[in-house]
Protein backbone atom coordinates (compact mmCIF):
# COMPACT_ATOMS: atom_id res chain seq x y z
CA MET A 1 -0.95 -12.08 -26.59
CA LYS A 2 1.64 -13.48 -24.61
CA ILE A 3 5.19 -11.65 -24.93
CA ASP A 4 7.85 -13.25 -23.90
CA TYR A 5 10.10 -10.44 -23.02
CA LYS A 6 12.54 -9.95 -20.14
CA GLU A 7 15.01 -6.76 -20.60
CA THR A 8 17.78 -6.38 -17.58
CA THR A 9 19.10 -3.48 -16.23
CA ASN A 10 22.44 -3.49 -17.94
CA ASP A 11 20.74 -3.75 -21.25
CA LEU A 12 18.16 -0.68 -20.44
CA LEU A 13 20.93 1.66 -18.26
CA THR A 14 23.03 0.74 -21.46
CA ARG A 15 20.58 2.03 -23.87
CA ILE A 16 19.29 5.27 -21.24
CA ASP A 17 23.13 6.06 -21.22
CA ILE A 18 23.47 6.21 -24.77
CA HIS A 19 19.97 8.42 -25.26
CA ASN A 20 21.59 10.65 -22.69
CA LYS A 21 24.94 11.45 -24.16
CA PHE A 22 23.99 11.20 -28.23
CA GLY A 23 20.50 12.57 -28.07
CA GLY A 24 19.98 16.13 -29.30
CA LYS A 25 16.78 16.53 -27.07
CA ASP A 26 15.35 15.48 -23.11
CA ILE A 27 12.50 13.47 -23.74
CA ASP A 28 12.10 13.72 -19.64
CA SER A 29 11.50 17.47 -20.34
CA TRP A 30 8.86 16.71 -23.12
CA MET A 31 7.30 14.65 -20.90
CA LEU A 32 7.16 17.25 -18.56
CA GLU A 33 5.87 20.03 -20.51
CA ILE A 34 3.19 18.23 -21.99
CA LEU A 35 2.15 16.56 -18.92
CA ASN A 36 1.32 19.93 -16.71
CA LEU A 37 1.93 18.29 -13.74
CA GLN A 38 0.45 20.05 -10.34
CA PRO A 39 1.70 20.21 -7.18
CA GLY A 40 -0.21 17.40 -4.30
CA MET A 41 -0.82 14.86 -7.32
CA ASN A 42 -1.12 11.22 -6.68
CA ILE A 43 1.00 9.49 -9.31
CA LEU A 44 1.11 5.64 -10.21
CA ASP A 45 4.00 4.73 -12.45
CA VAL A 46 2.83 1.41 -14.24
CA ALA A 47 6.28 -0.57 -15.24
CA CYS A 48 8.37 1.78 -13.26
CA GLY A 49 11.19 -0.19 -14.33
CA GLY A 50 14.38 1.34 -12.23
CA GLY A 51 12.43 4.19 -11.27
CA LYS A 52 13.61 6.71 -13.36
CA GLN A 53 9.88 7.92 -13.78
CA CYS A 54 9.69 7.99 -10.61
CA ILE A 55 12.34 10.19 -10.01
CA SER A 56 11.57 13.12 -12.63
CA PHE A 57 8.34 13.56 -11.32
CA TYR A 58 9.12 14.09 -7.53
CA LYS A 59 12.08 16.33 -8.33
CA HIS A 60 9.66 18.04 -10.80
CA LEU A 61 7.54 18.82 -8.35
CA LYS A 62 9.69 19.29 -5.48
CA GLY A 63 7.90 16.46 -3.16
CA ASN A 64 4.82 17.70 -3.06
CA CYS A 65 3.36 14.63 -4.29
CA LYS A 66 2.86 10.65 -3.63
CA ILE A 67 4.02 8.26 -5.96
CA THR A 68 3.58 4.39 -6.49
CA GLY A 69 6.06 2.81 -9.00
CA GLY A 70 5.67 -1.01 -9.93
CA ASP A 71 7.00 -3.47 -11.83
CA VAL A 72 6.87 -7.12 -12.25
CA ASN A 73 10.61 -7.51 -13.18
CA GLN A 74 12.38 -8.06 -9.59
CA GLU A 75 15.97 -7.02 -10.80
CA LEU A 76 14.57 -3.77 -12.47
CA LEU A 77 12.41 -3.30 -9.30
CA ASP A 78 15.32 -4.04 -7.12
CA GLN A 79 17.34 -1.06 -8.91
CA ALA A 80 13.82 0.97 -8.23
CA VAL A 81 14.16 0.49 -4.23
CA LEU A 82 17.78 1.27 -4.45
CA GLU A 83 17.54 4.97 -6.03
CA ASN A 84 14.36 5.46 -3.99
CA GLU A 85 16.39 4.94 -0.93
CA LYS A 86 18.44 7.37 -2.00
CA LEU A 87 15.94 10.00 -1.76
CA GLY A 88 15.11 9.17 1.45
CA ASN A 89 12.46 6.45 0.32
CA PRO A 90 9.84 9.13 -0.78
CA PHE A 91 7.66 6.66 -3.12
CA SER A 92 5.84 2.98 -3.13
CA ILE A 93 7.90 0.70 -4.62
CA ILE A 94 5.99 -2.59 -4.96
CA PRO A 95 5.58 -6.05 -7.52
CA LEU A 96 2.89 -4.71 -10.16
CA ASP A 97 1.97 -6.72 -12.81
CA PHE A 98 -0.29 -4.84 -15.59
CA ASP A 99 -1.75 -8.36 -16.63
CA GLN A 100 -3.58 -8.46 -13.38
CA ARG A 101 -6.00 -6.71 -11.60
CA LEU A 102 -4.30 -3.39 -10.19
CA PRO A 103 -4.18 -3.41 -6.46
CA PHE A 104 -6.08 -0.28 -5.62
CA ASP A 105 -9.40 0.69 -5.41
CA ASP A 106 -11.45 2.78 -7.83
CA ASN A 107 -10.70 6.73 -8.12
CA THR A 108 -7.66 6.64 -6.59
CA PHE A 109 -4.97 8.36 -8.77
CA ASP A 110 -4.64 11.73 -10.38
CA LEU A 111 -2.07 10.36 -13.23
CA VAL A 112 -1.47 6.82 -14.44
CA SER A 113 2.19 6.58 -16.53
CA CYS A 114 3.47 3.55 -18.39
CA CYS A 115 6.60 4.44 -20.32
CA PHE A 116 7.79 2.44 -22.88
CA ALA A 117 6.43 -0.98 -21.55
CA ILE A 118 2.57 -0.86 -22.17
CA TYR A 119 2.68 -2.91 -25.48
CA TYR A 120 3.80 -5.58 -23.71
CA SER A 121 0.66 -6.46 -21.83
CA SER A 122 -0.91 -9.92 -23.13
CA ASP A 123 -4.46 -8.15 -22.96
CA ILE A 124 -4.16 -4.55 -23.95
CA PRO A 125 -7.98 -3.28 -23.92
CA PHE A 126 -7.82 -4.99 -20.16
CA THR A 127 -4.81 -3.23 -19.10
CA ILE A 128 -6.21 0.31 -19.85
CA ARG A 129 -9.21 -0.41 -18.27
CA GLU A 130 -7.58 -1.25 -15.55
CA MET A 131 -5.91 2.02 -15.49
CA HIS A 132 -8.71 3.98 -16.35
CA ARG A 133 -10.92 2.29 -13.30
CA VAL A 134 -8.08 3.10 -11.02
CA LEU A 135 -8.01 7.37 -11.85
CA LYS A 136 -10.28 9.90 -10.59
CA PRO A 137 -12.70 11.28 -12.96
CA GLY A 138 -10.65 13.90 -14.89
CA GLY A 139 -7.84 11.89 -14.19
CA ARG A 140 -5.02 10.92 -16.93
CA ILE A 141 -3.57 8.00 -18.57
CA PHE A 142 0.22 8.58 -20.19
CA THR A 143 1.88 6.43 -21.70
CA THR A 144 5.21 6.32 -24.33
CA GLY A 145 6.42 4.38 -27.01
CA PRO A 146 7.78 3.67 -30.46
CA MET A 147 6.26 5.35 -33.24
CA PRO A 148 6.40 2.95 -37.02
CA ASP A 149 8.94 5.23 -38.36
CA ASN A 150 11.33 5.01 -34.63
CA LYS A 151 15.00 3.89 -35.27
CA LYS A 152 14.99 3.57 -39.21
CA ILE A 153 18.89 3.46 -39.51
CA PHE A 154 19.24 0.87 -36.76
CA TYR A 155 16.80 -1.27 -38.68
CA ASP A 156 18.22 -0.59 -42.03
CA ILE A 157 21.62 -1.90 -40.44
CA ILE A 158 20.08 -4.79 -39.17
CA ARG A 159 18.46 -6.03 -42.19
CA GLU A 160 21.63 -5.29 -44.50
CA ALA A 161 23.95 -7.08 -42.01
CA THR A 162 21.76 -10.37 -41.64
CA GLY A 163 19.57 -10.18 -45.13
CA LYS A 164 17.14 -10.94 -42.56
CA THR A 165 13.34 -9.74 -42.25
CA ILE A 166 12.82 -7.90 -38.97
CA PRO A 167 10.64 -9.62 -36.44
CA PRO A 168 7.88 -7.35 -35.56
CA MET A 169 8.53 -5.61 -32.71
CA PRO A 170 5.59 -5.48 -29.66
CA GLY A 171 5.98 -1.38 -29.73
CA SER A 172 6.53 -0.06 -33.40
CA SER A 173 3.87 -2.69 -34.55
CA ARG A 174 1.34 -2.34 -31.42
CA TYR A 175 1.74 1.50 -29.83
CA SER A 176 -0.14 3.49 -32.49
CA THR A 177 -2.86 1.10 -33.67
CA GLU A 178 -3.82 -1.65 -30.96
CA ILE A 179 -3.11 0.64 -27.98
CA PHE A 180 -4.00 3.90 -29.29
CA SER A 181 -7.36 2.42 -30.32
CA ALA A 182 -7.86 0.80 -26.69
CA ILE A 183 -7.05 4.44 -24.90
CA GLN A 184 -9.55 5.83 -27.63
CA ASN A 185 -12.49 3.21 -26.67
CA THR A 186 -11.52 4.15 -22.96
CA PHE A 187 -10.89 7.08 -21.77
CA SER A 188 -13.62 10.67 -22.80
CA LYS A 189 -11.01 12.47 -24.49
CA THR A 190 -7.47 11.41 -26.38
CA GLU A 191 -4.60 13.45 -27.38
CA THR A 192 -1.06 12.45 -29.28
CA HIS A 193 2.36 13.83 -28.77
CA ILE A 194 5.35 13.26 -30.85
CA PHE A 195 8.71 13.14 -29.84
CA GLU A 196 11.60 12.90 -32.53
CA ASN A 197 15.26 12.93 -30.76
CA PRO A 198 18.02 12.38 -33.47
CA LEU A 199 21.04 10.25 -31.53
CA THR A 200 24.05 11.34 -33.93
CA PHE A 201 26.98 9.17 -33.50
CA LYS A 202 30.55 9.93 -34.63
CA GLN A 203 31.87 6.75 -34.38
CA THR A 204 30.17 3.50 -34.39
CA ALA A 205 30.78 2.00 -30.63
CA PRO A 206 28.07 3.83 -29.45
CA PHE A 207 25.76 2.52 -31.76
CA ILE A 208 26.80 -1.09 -31.52
CA ALA A 209 26.54 -0.81 -27.62
CA TYR A 210 23.48 0.46 -28.30
CA THR A 211 22.88 -2.63 -30.90
CA ARG A 212 24.22 -5.17 -28.72
CA ALA A 213 22.06 -4.14 -25.89
CA SER A 214 18.86 -4.27 -27.76
CA LEU A 215 19.93 -7.95 -29.36
CA SER A 216 21.47 -9.54 -26.60
CA GLU A 217 20.57 -13.12 -25.95
CA ASP A 218 17.99 -12.16 -22.89
CA ARG A 219 15.48 -10.50 -25.39
CA LYS A 220 13.53 -12.90 -26.50
CA LEU A 221 12.15 -10.97 -29.65
CA TRP A 222 15.32 -11.35 -31.96
CA THR A 223 15.35 -15.17 -31.91
CA SER A 224 14.65 -15.09 -35.55
CA LEU A 225 18.22 -13.73 -35.62
CA PHE A 226 20.68 -15.91 -34.44
CA ALA A 227 19.83 -19.41 -31.99
CA ASN A 228 22.98 -19.14 -29.72
CA ALA A 229 25.98 -17.08 -28.57
CA GLY A 230 28.21 -17.81 -31.76
CA GLU A 231 25.20 -16.75 -34.32
CA PHE A 232 24.99 -13.89 -31.93
CA GLU A 233 28.47 -12.91 -32.20
CA LYS A 234 28.19 -13.75 -36.22
CA VAL A 235 25.48 -11.04 -35.88
CA MET A 236 27.10 -8.12 -33.85
CA GLN A 237 30.24 -9.13 -36.47
CA ASN A 238 28.51 -8.16 -39.56
CA ILE A 239 26.25 -5.48 -38.47
CA ILE A 240 29.62 -4.23 -37.07
CA ARG A 241 30.92 -4.60 -40.56
CA VAL A 242 27.87 -2.53 -42.37
CA ALA A 243 27.78 0.03 -39.63
CA GLU A 244 31.85 1.32 -40.39
CA GLU A 245 30.86 1.23 -44.31
CA LYS A 246 27.80 3.53 -43.46
CA LEU A 247 29.84 5.67 -41.18
CA LYS A 248 32.65 6.08 -43.62
CA SER A 249 30.25 6.86 -46.67
CA GLU A 250 28.34 9.15 -44.39
CA GLY A 251 30.43 10.73 -41.90
CA GLU A 252 28.20 9.91 -38.91
CA LEU A 253 25.14 7.46 -38.04
CA VAL A 254 21.90 9.59 -37.18
CA MET A 255 19.10 7.56 -35.36
CA THR A 256 16.26 9.09 -35.18
CA LYS A 257 13.74 8.19 -32.20
CA VAL A 258 10.54 8.96 -32.55
CA VAL A 259 8.06 8.29 -30.07
CA GLY A 260 4.50 8.73 -29.22
CA GLY A 261 3.03 10.30 -26.25
CA PHE A 262 -0.82 9.40 -25.92
CA ILE A 263 -2.69 11.07 -23.08
CA GLY A 264 -6.45 10.14 -22.18
CA THR A 265 -8.23 11.84 -19.84
CA LYS A 266 -11.50 10.41 -17.72
């Protein structure tokens, strides 16, 4: 299944910034805790985006590691290159498409991570098998993605504002089913870890900024709600109205991120 999707750097960074400012918990600390990384590891971060995960792993291991990051989105890859330069270029940053054979030998990496992206694969079993192939015996795959009850208030407000059914999201509709099953079928051992992070908004502005980034015209997933820029703005005005009414009624908007962390051991 080919998913027509492209997230811009600004969209991604807006959402990450809002997570950091309004979330009550740190997802990077959670990831590092459950992964228990060891010095000297050779790590591949697939769909590395702007390099956030590469940087987290690198700093946690104090540079005692080898990290390769790759992404199919050139705009995000350019951002990763800039972040890499700030640290003195400790990573290898390469173009990488997880819909294609990974350009690495068998049994190369200790860890292959893919955070908030694996569900955009056109062929989930193929992508998981490729990650399995390039892992050393005993190596691990680590993926993160939204669970079905992720961001409930976000979808509730959009549904009320538009009167339309929420289109299937590749993450919450595929992650806990197709992706988890593919990991179970490919790896000798699997683990599931759940991260819940409530984002609490005392004003509507940051919630609206998050929503606008998620529904922007560059995102192909929401086209059933609007066909052009004018319709997009009408949808946003309705969302603002519903969000303000809910904030006035409840005193705050709490959007809980519910993330699954799947670990498979080869």
